[in-house]
PDB file of N, CA and C in Angstrom:
ATOM      1  N   MET A   1      19.742   4.374  26.253  1.00  0.00           N
ATOM      2  CA  MET A   1      18.694   3.885  25.391  1.00  0.00           C
ATOM      3  C   MET A   1      18.968   2.339  25.512  1.00  0.00           C
ATOM      4  N   ALA A   2      17.560   1.615  26.420  1.00  0.00           N
ATOM      5  CA  ALA A   2      17.553   0.272  26.520  1.00  0.00           C
ATOM      6  C   ALA A   2      17.567  -0.939  25.184  1.00  0.00           C
ATOM      7  N   LYS A   3      18.237  -1.942  25.176  1.00  0.00           N
ATOM      8  CA  LYS A   3      17.782  -2.405  24.127  1.00  0.00           C
ATOM      9  C   LYS A   3      16.736  -3.024  24.381  1.00  0.00           C
ATOM     10  N   THR A   4      15.984  -3.473  22.919  1.00  0.00           N
ATOM     11  CA  THR A   4      15.055  -4.116  23.059  1.00  0.00           C
ATOM     12  C   THR A   4      15.087  -5.725  22.231  1.00  0.00           C
ATOM     13  N   THR A   5      15.097  -6.870  23.327  1.00  0.00           N
ATOM     14  CA  THR A   5      15.139  -8.513  22.571  1.00  0.00           C
ATOM     15  C   THR A   5      13.953  -8.333  21.398  1.00  0.00           C
ATOM     16  N   PRO A   6      14.349  -9.298  20.324  1.00  0.00           N
ATOM     17  CA  PRO A   6      13.011  -9.522  19.301  1.00  0.00           C
ATOM     18  C   PRO A   6      12.027 -10.612  20.068  1.00  0.00           C
ATOM     19  N   LEU A   7      12.141 -10.825  21.307  1.00  0.00           N
ATOM     20  CA  LEU A   7      10.685 -11.798  22.251  1.00  0.00           C
ATOM     21  C   LEU A   7       9.975  -9.861  22.740  1.00  0.00           C
ATOM     22  N   GLU A   8      10.774  -9.483  23.471  1.00  0.00           N
ATOM     23  CA  GLU A   8      10.037  -8.571  23.719  1.00  0.00           C
ATOM     24  C   GLU A   8       9.614  -7.490  22.568  1.00  0.00           C
ATOM     25  N   PHE A   9       9.592  -7.043  21.712  1.00  0.00           N
ATOM     26  CA  PHE A   9       9.765  -6.497  20.672  1.00  0.00           C
ATOM     27  C   PHE A   9       8.299  -7.288  20.177  1.00  0.00           C
ATOM     28  N   ILE A  10       8.062  -8.276  20.035  1.00  0.00           N
ATOM     29  CA  ILE A  10       6.640  -9.043  19.534  1.00  0.00           C
ATOM     30  C   ILE A  10       6.193  -9.447  20.773  1.00  0.00           C
ATOM     31  N   ARG A  11       6.478  -9.305  21.768  1.00  0.00           N
ATOM     32  CA  ARG A  11       5.309  -9.017  22.980  1.00  0.00           C
ATOM     33  C   ARG A  11       4.802  -7.587  22.732  1.00  0.00           C
ATOM     34  N   GLN A  12       5.607  -6.701  22.822  1.00  0.00           N
ATOM     35  CA  GLN A  12       4.770  -5.280  23.067  1.00  0.00           C
ATOM     36  C   GLN A  12       4.465  -5.232  21.351  1.00  0.00           C
ATOM     37  N   VAL A  13       4.488  -5.667  20.408  1.00  0.00           N
ATOM     38  CA  VAL A  13       3.669  -5.359  19.298  1.00  0.00           C
ATOM     39  C   VAL A  13       2.099  -5.927  19.423  1.00  0.00           C
ATOM     40  N   ARG A  14       2.343  -7.328  19.586  1.00  0.00           N
ATOM     41  CA  ARG A  14       1.263  -8.114  20.749  1.00  0.00           C
ATOM     42  C   ARG A  14       0.257  -7.222  21.147  1.00  0.00           C
ATOM     43  N   THR A  15       0.732  -6.018  22.298  1.00  0.00           N
ATOM     44  CA  THR A  15      -0.131  -5.652  23.091  1.00  0.00           C
ATOM     45  C   THR A  15      -0.521  -4.491  22.776  1.00  0.00           C
ATOM     46  N   GLU A  16       0.291  -3.897  22.181  1.00  0.00           N
ATOM     47  CA  GLU A  16      -0.456  -2.643  20.868  1.00  0.00           C
ATOM     48  C   GLU A  16      -1.386  -2.658  20.005  1.00  0.00           C
ATOM     49  N   THR A  17      -0.900  -4.104  19.145  1.00  0.00           N
ATOM     50  CA  THR A  17      -2.155  -4.327  18.274  1.00  0.00           C
ATOM     51  C   THR A  17      -3.829  -5.058  18.693  1.00  0.00           C
ATOM     52  N   ALA A  18      -3.705  -5.328  19.781  1.00  0.00           N
ATOM     53  CA  ALA A  18      -4.699  -5.353  21.043  1.00  0.00           C
ATOM     54  C   ALA A  18      -5.663  -4.409  21.510  1.00  0.00           C
ATOM     55  N   LYS A  19      -4.973  -3.307  21.247  1.00  0.00           N
ATOM     56  CA  LYS A  19      -6.034  -2.086  21.733  1.00  0.00           C
ATOM     57  C   LYS A  19      -5.932  -1.546  20.565  1.00  0.00           C
ATOM     58  N   VAL A  20      -6.456  -1.638  19.451  1.00  0.00           N
ATOM     59  CA  VAL A  20      -6.530  -1.063  18.086  1.00  0.00           C
ATOM     60  C   VAL A  20      -8.085  -1.611  17.761  1.00  0.00           C
ATOM     61  N   VAL A  21      -8.708  -0.898  17.873  1.00  0.00           N
ATOM     62  CA  VAL A  21      -9.862  -1.016  17.598  1.00  0.00           C
ATOM     63  C   VAL A  21     -10.119  -1.047  15.986  1.00  0.00           C
ATOM     64  N   TRP A  22     -10.376  -2.208  15.591  1.00  0.00           N
ATOM     65  CA  TRP A  22     -10.813  -2.737  13.877  1.00  0.00           C
ATOM     66  C   TRP A  22     -11.797  -2.390  13.643  1.00  0.00           C
ATOM     67  N   PRO A  23     -11.842  -1.717  12.180  1.00  0.00           N
ATOM     68  CA  PRO A  23     -12.982  -1.465  11.777  1.00  0.00           C
ATOM     69  C   PRO A  23     -14.167  -2.661  11.242  1.00  0.00           C
ATOM     70  N   THR A  24     -14.900  -2.992  11.420  1.00  0.00           N
ATOM     71  CA  THR A  24     -15.812  -3.971  11.452  1.00  0.00           C
ATOM     72  C   THR A  24     -16.019  -4.080   9.521  1.00  0.00           C
ATOM     73  N   GLY A  25     -17.037  -5.258   8.981  1.00  0.00           N
ATOM     74  CA  GLY A  25     -16.565  -5.788   7.545  1.00  0.00           C
ATOM     75  C   GLY A  25     -17.278  -4.581   6.705  1.00  0.00           C
ATOM     76  N   ARG A  26     -18.217  -4.260   6.896  1.00  0.00           N
ATOM     77  CA  ARG A  26     -19.748  -3.175   7.077  1.00  0.00           C
ATOM     78  C   ARG A  26     -18.663  -1.632   6.636  1.00  0.00           C
ATOM     79  N   GLU A  27     -18.003  -1.350   7.552  1.00  0.00           N
ATOM     80  CA  GLU A  27     -17.435  -0.304   7.941  1.00  0.00           C
ATOM     81  C   GLU A  27     -16.461   0.048   6.521  1.00  0.00           C
ATOM     82  N   THR A  28     -15.706  -1.141   6.855  1.00  0.00           N
ATOM     83  CA  THR A  28     -14.222  -1.296   5.300  1.00  0.00           C
ATOM     84  C   THR A  28     -14.876  -1.347   4.227  1.00  0.00           C
ATOM     85  N   VAL A  29     -16.137  -1.906   3.792  1.00  0.00           N
ATOM     86  CA  VAL A  29     -16.660  -1.977   2.797  1.00  0.00           C
ATOM     87  C   VAL A  29     -17.757  -0.309   2.148  1.00  0.00           C
ATOM     88  N   MET A  30     -18.444   0.089   3.296  1.00  0.00           N
ATOM     89  CA  MET A  30     -18.592   1.224   2.972  1.00  0.00           C
ATOM     90  C   MET A  30     -17.515   2.456   2.481  1.00  0.00           C
ATOM     91  N   THR A  31     -16.877   2.548   3.464  1.00  0.00           N
ATOM     92  CA  THR A  31     -15.254   3.339   3.556  1.00  0.00           C
ATOM     93  C   THR A  31     -14.817   3.096   1.471  1.00  0.00           C
ATOM     94  N   GLY A  32     -14.677   1.941   1.389  1.00  0.00           N
ATOM     95  CA  GLY A  32     -14.245   1.562   0.061  1.00  0.00           C
ATOM     96  C   GLY A  32     -14.942   2.430  -0.819  1.00  0.00           C
ATOM     97  N   VAL A  33     -16.793   2.243  -0.962  1.00  0.00           N
ATOM     98  CA  VAL A  33     -17.476   2.823  -1.776  1.00  0.00           C
ATOM     99  C   VAL A  33     -17.580   4.121  -1.786  1.00  0.00           C
ATOM    100  N   MET A  34     -16.912   4.677  -0.484  1.00  0.00           N
ATOM    101  CA  MET A  34     -17.221   6.077  -0.391  1.00  0.00           C
ATOM    102  C   MET A  34     -15.717   6.834  -1.387  1.00  0.00           C
ATOM    103  N   VAL A  35     -14.623   5.918  -1.268  1.00  0.00           N
ATOM    104  CA  VAL A  35     -13.411   6.309  -1.779  1.00  0.00           C
ATOM    105  C   VAL A  35     -13.695   6.483  -3.502  1.00  0.00           C
ATOM    106  N   VAL A  36     -14.585   5.361  -3.852  1.00  0.00           N
ATOM    107  CA  VAL A  36     -14.802   4.796  -5.163  1.00  0.00           C
ATOM    108  C   VAL A  36     -15.874   6.225  -5.328  1.00  0.00           C
ATOM    109  N   ILE A  37     -16.629   6.649  -4.896  1.00  0.00           N
ATOM    110  CA  ILE A  37     -17.860   7.203  -5.795  1.00  0.00           C
ATOM    111  C   ILE A  37     -17.003   9.014  -5.335  1.00  0.00           C
ATOM    112  N   MET A  38     -15.984   9.301  -4.206  1.00  0.00           N
ATOM    113  CA  MET A  38     -15.117  10.592  -4.497  1.00  0.00           C
ATOM    114  C   MET A  38     -14.437  10.066  -5.089  1.00  0.00           C
ATOM    115  N   THR A  39     -13.242   9.764  -5.615  1.00  0.00           N
ATOM    116  CA  THR A  39     -12.679   9.685  -6.877  1.00  0.00           C
ATOM    117  C   THR A  39     -13.394   9.599  -8.332  1.00  0.00           C
ATOM    118  N   THR A  40     -14.285   9.129  -8.477  1.00  0.00           N
ATOM    119  CA  THR A  40     -15.201   9.454 -10.049  1.00  0.00           C
ATOM    120  C   THR A  40     -15.682  11.109  -9.994  1.00  0.00           C
ATOM    121  N   VAL A  41     -16.235  11.073  -8.728  1.00  0.00           N
ATOM    122  CA  VAL A  41     -16.531  12.867  -8.434  1.00  0.00           C
ATOM    123  C   VAL A  41     -15.847  13.705  -9.162  1.00  0.00           C
ATOM    124  N   LEU A  42     -14.446  13.662  -8.404  1.00  0.00           N
ATOM    125  CA  LEU A  42     -13.142  14.760  -8.688  1.00  0.00           C
ATOM    126  C   LEU A  42     -12.795  13.991 -10.398  1.00  0.00           C
ATOM    127  N   ALA A  43     -12.505  12.642 -10.765  1.00  0.00           N
ATOM    128  CA  ALA A  43     -12.696  12.883 -12.393  1.00  0.00           C
ATOM    129  C   ALA A  43     -13.000  13.459 -13.053  1.00  0.00           C
ATOM    130  N   LEU A  44     -14.657  13.839 -12.910  1.00  0.00           N
ATOM    131  CA  LEU A  44     -15.222  13.931 -13.365  1.00  0.00           C
ATOM    132  C   LEU A  44     -15.469  15.601 -13.629  1.00  0.00           C
ATOM    133  N   PHE A  45     -14.780  16.023 -12.218  1.00  0.00           N
ATOM    134  CA  PHE A  45     -15.152  17.299 -12.050  1.00  0.00           C
ATOM    135  C   PHE A  45     -13.568  18.226 -13.078  1.00  0.00           C
ATOM    136  N   PHE A  46     -12.799  17.299 -12.508  1.00  0.00           N
ATOM    137  CA  PHE A  46     -11.249  17.710 -13.462  1.00  0.00           C
ATOM    138  C   PHE A  46     -11.377  17.497 -14.973  1.00  0.00           C
ATOM    139  N   LEU A  47     -12.042  16.679 -15.331  1.00  0.00           N
ATOM    140  CA  LEU A  47     -12.290  16.478 -16.722  1.00  0.00           C
ATOM    141  C   LEU A  47     -13.077  17.582 -17.636  1.00  0.00           C
ATOM    142  N   SER A  48     -14.160  18.040 -16.581  1.00  0.00           N
ATOM    143  CA  SER A  48     -14.848  19.124 -17.111  1.00  0.00           C
ATOM    144  C   SER A  48     -14.317  20.416 -17.183  1.00  0.00           C
ATOM    145  N   VAL A  49     -13.229  20.474 -15.968  1.00  0.00           N
ATOM    146  CA  VAL A  49     -12.196  21.784 -15.873  1.00  0.00           C
ATOM    147  C   VAL A  49     -11.608  21.729 -17.113  1.00  0.00           C
ATOM    148  N   ASP A  50     -11.166  20.287 -17.537  1.00  0.00           N
ATOM    149  CA  ASP A  50      -9.694  20.145 -17.988  1.00  0.00           C
ATOM    150  C   ASP A  50     -10.476  20.663 -20.205  1.00  0.00           C
ATOM    151  N   SER A  51     -11.139  20.176 -20.022  1.00  0.00           N
ATOM    152  CA  SER A  51     -11.861  20.434 -21.135  1.00  0.00           C
ATOM    153  C   SER A  51     -12.664  22.094 -21.253  1.00  0.00           C
ATOM    154  N   ILE A  52     -13.207  22.644 -20.097  1.00  0.00           N
ATOM    155  CA  ILE A  52     -13.549  23.907 -20.527  1.00  0.00           C
ATOM    156  C   ILE A  52     -11.640  24.818 -21.051  1.00  0.00           C
ATOM    157  N   PHE A  53     -10.964  24.535 -20.331  1.00  0.00           N
ATOM    158  CA  PHE A  53      -9.647  25.659 -20.533  1.00  0.00           C
ATOM    159  C   PHE A  53      -8.958  25.404 -22.067  1.00  0.00           C
ATOM    160  N   ASN A  54      -9.476  23.302 -22.199  1.00  0.00           N
ATOM    161  CA  ASN A  54      -8.738  23.433 -23.615  1.00  0.00           C
ATOM    162  C   ASN A  54      -9.967  24.131 -24.467  1.00  0.00           C
ATOM    163  N   ALA A  55     -11.219  24.468 -24.385  1.00  0.00           N
ATOM    164  CA  ALA A  55     -12.004  25.267 -25.306  1.00  0.00           C
ATOM    165  C   ALA A  55     -11.434  26.492 -25.042  1.00  0.00           C
ATOM    166  N   VAL A  56     -10.879  26.898 -24.089  1.00  0.00           N
ATOM    167  CA  VAL A  56     -10.507  28.456 -24.365  1.00  0.00           C
ATOM    168  C   VAL A  56      -9.328  28.328 -24.966  1.00  0.00           C
ATOM    169  N   VAL A  57      -8.592  27.800 -24.790  1.00  0.00           N
ATOM    170  CA  VAL A  57      -7.196  27.973 -25.199  1.00  0.00           C
ATOM    171  C   VAL A  57      -7.506  27.811 -26.913  1.00  0.00           C
ATOM    172  N   ASN A  58      -8.320  26.941 -26.784  1.00  0.00           N
ATOM    173  CA  ASN A  58      -8.504  26.476 -28.783  1.00  0.00           C
ATOM    174  C   ASN A  58      -8.704  28.026 -29.448  1.00  0.00           C
ATOM    175  N   ALA A  59      -9.786  28.268 -28.256  1.00  0.00           N
ATOM    176  CA  ALA A  59     -10.665  29.611 -28.910  1.00  0.00           C
ATOM    177  C   ALA A  59      -9.656  30.564 -29.445  1.00  0.00           C
ATOM    178  N   LEU A  60      -8.869  31.201 -28.417  1.00  0.00           N
ATOM    179  CA  LEU A  60      -7.449  31.864 -28.596  1.00  0.00           C
ATOM    180  C   LEU A  60      -6.856  31.736 -29.360  1.00  0.00           C
ATOM    181  N   LEU A  61      -6.155  30.736 -29.876  1.00  0.00           N
ATOM    182  CA  LEU A  61      -5.460  29.861 -30.727  1.00  0.00           C
ATOM    183  C   LEU A  61      -6.101  30.284 -31.569  1.00  0.00           C
ATOM    184  N   SER A  62      -7.018  30.175 -32.294  1.00  0.00           N
ATOM    185  CA  SER A  62      -7.487  30.083 -33.513  1.00  0.00           C
ATOM    186  C   SER A  62      -7.625  31.651 -33.337  1.00  0.00           C
ATOM    187  N   LEU A  63      -8.277  32.647 -32.892  1.00  0.00           N
ATOM    188  CA  LEU A  63      -7.866  33.816 -32.823  1.00  0.00           C
ATOM    189  C   LEU A  63      -6.735  34.464 -33.484  1.00  0.00           C
ATOM    190  N   ALA A  64      -5.342  33.696 -33.154  1.00  0.00           N
ATOM    191  CA  ALA A  64      -4.496  34.190 -33.817  1.00  0.00           C
ATOM    192  C   ALA A  64      -3.870  34.003 -34.599  1.00  0.00           C
ATOM    193  N   GLN A  65      -4.486  33.139 -35.394  1.00  0.00           N
ATOM    194  CA  GLN A  65      -4.037  32.937 -37.076  1.00  0.00           C
ATOM    195  C   GLN A  65      -4.880  33.499 -37.913  1.00  0.00           C
TER     196      GLN A  65
END
């Protein structure tokens, strides 16, 4: 395997970085908003599931006493 000099490595990185299609500012904001929305929806979902399980377990435990 051939060794790459630091200068050649930097040149290769610049070449590969130029090929990247970067998202626009609007796309970045929209993606961020979607992440926040989906995180909130999932948090509410898991909160409700946890609350239901908590109620069921408490009801079962109250029957055992």
